[in-house]
Amino acid sequence: MTIKLALHSYITRLFQLALALVPAFTGLFAVMNNLEDAKSTISLVIDPLLSMNNVRPEFIHSWRAIHSPSLLSVAYFGMTSAECMVGILALIGIIKMLWAFSADHQSFSQAVAWVRAACVWGVLVWGLGFYTMGGDFFLAWQNPNLSSLQTDGLNYVLMMAVPYVFFKLHESSDTI
């Protein structure tokens, strides 16, 4: 391996490690925020969203509303667990990337696959969960307190897509 190629490989791997922090921190900080103030998360986000309490009464969509306190807890646990999985998958990938940092390309790529899985899981959590289910199924866009849910979901999806695309572009080569 030439010195120039080795330098490119080293720089690319550093960029990949830095980008791997995005899904790791996004997932873990989301969980931290959910757990630090669970009552607020449930009362300010989960309950108004699932109960659809700010949907205009003339809409026929109220059959979708969930009013059961036990189901609110299940939704909270499910959301927090799903966000946690993003962070954990990425963290496993980061540790494996550090172990394989000086290894051959195939070994490093296998470590990166964990972070790519975290990114895909993140797209499902924030794209399918927040944007689609929260925004369109539970009509968050009609609730003035939750109207940013879809925008936030898209922002999170974008932050999962950028590292994923970078990783896929460098799947077969270590050069930038």
Protein backbone atom coordinates (compact mmCIF):
# COMPACT_ATOMS: atom_id res chain seq x y z
CA MET A 1 0.00 0.00 0.00
CA THR A 2 1.45 3.37 -0.96
CA ILE A 3 1.85 6.16 1.56
CA LYS A 4 -0.71 8.30 -0.29
CA LEU A 5 -3.28 5.48 -0.26
CA ALA A 6 -2.56 4.74 3.41
CA LEU A 7 -3.11 8.41 4.26
CA HIS A 8 -6.40 8.46 2.34
CA SER A 9 -7.50 5.29 4.09
CA TYR A 10 -6.58 6.73 7.49
CA ILE A 11 -8.45 9.99 6.82
CA THR A 12 -11.51 8.18 5.47
CA ARG A 13 -11.65 5.95 8.53
CA LEU A 14 -11.39 8.99 10.81
CA PHE A 15 -14.31 10.60 8.96
CA GLN A 16 -16.29 7.39 9.30
CA LEU A 17 -15.61 7.26 13.03
CA ALA A 18 -16.68 10.88 13.40
CA LEU A 19 -19.87 10.28 11.39
CA ALA A 20 -20.63 7.18 13.47
CA LEU A 21 -21.01 9.50 16.46
CA VAL A 22 -24.14 11.01 14.86
CA PRO A 23 -26.44 7.98 15.23
CA ALA A 24 -24.75 7.00 18.51
CA PHE A 25 -25.28 10.36 20.18
CA THR A 26 -28.68 10.92 18.59
CA GLY A 27 -30.04 7.64 19.93
CA LEU A 28 -28.38 7.83 23.33
CA PHE A 29 -29.25 11.49 23.95
CA ALA A 30 -32.87 10.81 22.97
CA VAL A 31 -33.01 8.03 25.56
CA MET A 32 -31.29 10.21 28.16
CA ASN A 33 -33.85 12.97 27.59
CA ASN A 34 -36.75 10.51 27.74
CA LEU A 35 -35.54 8.92 30.96
CA GLU A 36 -34.54 12.10 32.78
CA ASP A 37 -38.08 13.42 32.66
CA ALA A 38 -40.34 10.52 31.77
CA LYS A 39 -43.47 12.16 33.17
CA SER A 40 -43.03 15.20 30.94
CA THR A 41 -42.31 13.06 27.91
CA ILE A 42 -45.51 11.11 28.50
CA SER A 43 -47.69 14.11 29.41
CA LEU A 44 -46.35 16.56 26.80
CA VAL A 45 -45.66 14.26 23.86
CA ILE A 46 -47.00 10.71 24.12
CA ASP A 47 -50.42 11.45 25.65
CA PRO A 48 -51.39 14.44 23.43
CA LEU A 49 -50.14 12.63 20.35
CA LEU A 50 -51.85 9.29 20.92
CA SER A 51 -55.03 10.71 22.45
CA MET A 52 -55.31 13.14 19.51
CA ASN A 53 -56.73 15.67 21.96
CA ASN A 54 -56.12 18.65 19.67
CA VAL A 55 -57.54 17.16 16.49
CA ARG A 56 -60.52 19.11 15.26
CA PRO A 57 -63.67 17.38 16.55
CA GLU A 58 -65.38 17.35 13.16
CA PHE A 59 -62.75 14.95 11.83
CA ILE A 60 -63.76 11.32 11.60
CA HIS A 61 -60.24 10.20 12.46
CA SER A 62 -60.79 10.11 16.20
CA TRP A 63 -61.18 6.32 16.09
CA ARG A 64 -57.36 6.22 15.94
CA ALA A 65 -56.97 7.84 19.35
CA ILE A 66 -55.53 5.83 22.23
CA HIS A 67 -56.68 6.80 25.72
CA SER A 68 -55.49 3.82 27.75
CA PRO A 69 -52.82 4.82 30.33
CA SER A 70 -51.23 1.38 30.06
CA LEU A 71 -50.92 1.72 26.28
CA LEU A 72 -49.33 5.15 26.76
CA SER A 73 -46.70 3.49 28.92
CA VAL A 74 -46.19 0.78 26.30
CA ALA A 75 -45.76 3.47 23.62
CA TYR A 76 -43.27 5.35 25.81
CA PHE A 77 -41.29 2.18 26.50
CA GLY A 78 -41.37 1.20 22.82
CA MET A 79 -40.23 4.63 21.63
CA THR A 80 -37.45 4.83 24.21
CA SER A 81 -36.29 1.28 23.46
CA ALA A 82 -36.26 1.90 19.71
CA GLU A 83 -34.22 5.09 20.12
CA CYS A 84 -31.89 3.27 22.50
CA MET A 85 -31.31 0.57 19.89
CA VAL A 86 -30.05 3.22 17.44
CA GLY A 87 -27.48 4.38 19.97
CA ILE A 88 -26.43 0.88 21.02
CA LEU A 89 -25.97 -0.40 17.46
CA ALA A 90 -23.88 2.64 16.60
CA LEU A 91 -21.85 2.33 19.80
CA ILE A 92 -21.09 -1.32 19.05
CA GLY A 93 -20.04 -0.25 15.56
CA ILE A 94 -17.75 2.49 16.90
CA ILE A 95 -16.03 0.06 19.26
CA LYS A 96 -15.58 -2.47 16.46
CA MET A 97 -14.32 0.29 14.12
CA LEU A 98 -11.72 1.31 16.69
CA TRP A 99 -10.59 -2.32 17.06
CA ALA A 100 -10.39 -2.70 13.26
CA PHE A 101 -8.96 0.76 12.57
CA SER A 102 -5.59 -0.59 11.38
CA ALA A 103 -6.98 -3.81 9.95
CA ASP A 104 -7.69 -4.61 6.31
CA HIS A 105 -10.58 -2.96 4.47
CA GLN A 106 -12.92 -5.94 4.81
CA SER A 107 -12.54 -6.08 8.61
CA PHE A 108 -13.15 -2.36 8.94
CA SER A 109 -16.18 -2.57 6.62
CA GLN A 110 -17.68 -5.31 8.78
CA ALA A 111 -17.39 -3.00 11.77
CA VAL A 112 -18.98 -0.12 9.82
CA ALA A 113 -21.95 -2.40 9.02
CA TRP A 114 -23.09 -2.03 12.65
CA VAL A 115 -23.30 1.74 12.27
CA ARG A 116 -25.09 1.39 8.93
CA ALA A 117 -27.62 -0.84 10.72
CA ALA A 118 -28.03 1.89 13.37
CA CYS A 119 -28.69 4.42 10.61
CA VAL A 120 -31.32 2.22 8.96
CA TRP A 121 -32.95 1.56 12.34
CA GLY A 122 -32.92 5.33 12.96
CA VAL A 123 -34.71 5.96 9.67
CA LEU A 124 -37.37 3.47 10.75
CA VAL A 125 -37.70 5.01 14.23
CA TRP A 126 -37.86 8.66 13.20
CA GLY A 127 -39.14 8.29 9.65
CA LEU A 128 -41.76 5.60 10.10
CA GLY A 129 -42.43 6.22 13.79
CA PHE A 130 -42.33 9.98 14.19
CA TYR A 131 -42.94 11.32 10.70
CA THR A 132 -45.41 8.78 9.36
CA MET A 133 -47.19 7.31 12.37
CA GLY A 134 -47.02 10.36 14.64
CA GLY A 135 -47.46 12.96 11.96
CA ASP A 136 -49.91 11.35 9.55
CA PHE A 137 -51.66 8.56 11.44
CA PHE A 138 -52.07 10.44 14.74
CA LEU A 139 -52.33 13.81 12.93
CA ALA A 140 -49.64 15.61 14.93
CA TRP A 141 -49.68 18.37 12.33
CA GLN A 142 -53.09 19.44 13.70
CA ASN A 143 -51.79 19.82 17.24
CA PRO A 144 -50.08 23.21 17.69
CA ASN A 145 -47.85 21.77 20.42
CA LEU A 146 -46.74 18.84 18.25
CA SER A 147 -46.75 20.42 14.80
CA SER A 148 -42.97 20.21 14.58
CA LEU A 149 -42.98 16.43 15.07
CA GLN A 150 -42.85 15.70 11.35
CA THR A 151 -40.15 18.29 10.71
CA ASP A 152 -38.13 16.90 13.60
CA GLY A 153 -38.65 13.38 12.27
CA LEU A 154 -37.34 14.42 8.85
CA ASN A 155 -34.34 16.15 10.42
CA TYR A 156 -33.47 12.99 12.31
CA VAL A 157 -33.92 10.90 9.16
CA LEU A 158 -31.54 13.21 7.32
CA MET A 159 -29.00 12.87 10.11
CA MET A 160 -29.20 9.09 9.73
CA ALA A 161 -29.05 9.23 5.92
CA VAL A 162 -25.87 11.31 5.65
CA PRO A 163 -23.59 8.87 7.51
CA TYR A 164 -25.28 5.91 5.81
CA VAL A 165 -24.61 7.32 2.34
CA PHE A 166 -21.00 8.15 3.22
CA PHE A 167 -20.48 4.62 4.54
CA LYS A 168 -22.04 3.05 1.46
CA LEU A 169 -19.88 5.18 -0.85
CA HIS A 170 -16.78 3.84 0.89
CA GLU A 171 -17.96 0.26 1.25
CA SER A 172 -15.68 -1.03 -1.50
CA SER A 173 -12.77 1.36 -0.97
CA ASP A 174 -11.07 3.30 1.80
CA THR A 175 -10.42 6.36 -0.35
CA ILE A 176 -12.39 9.60 -0.18
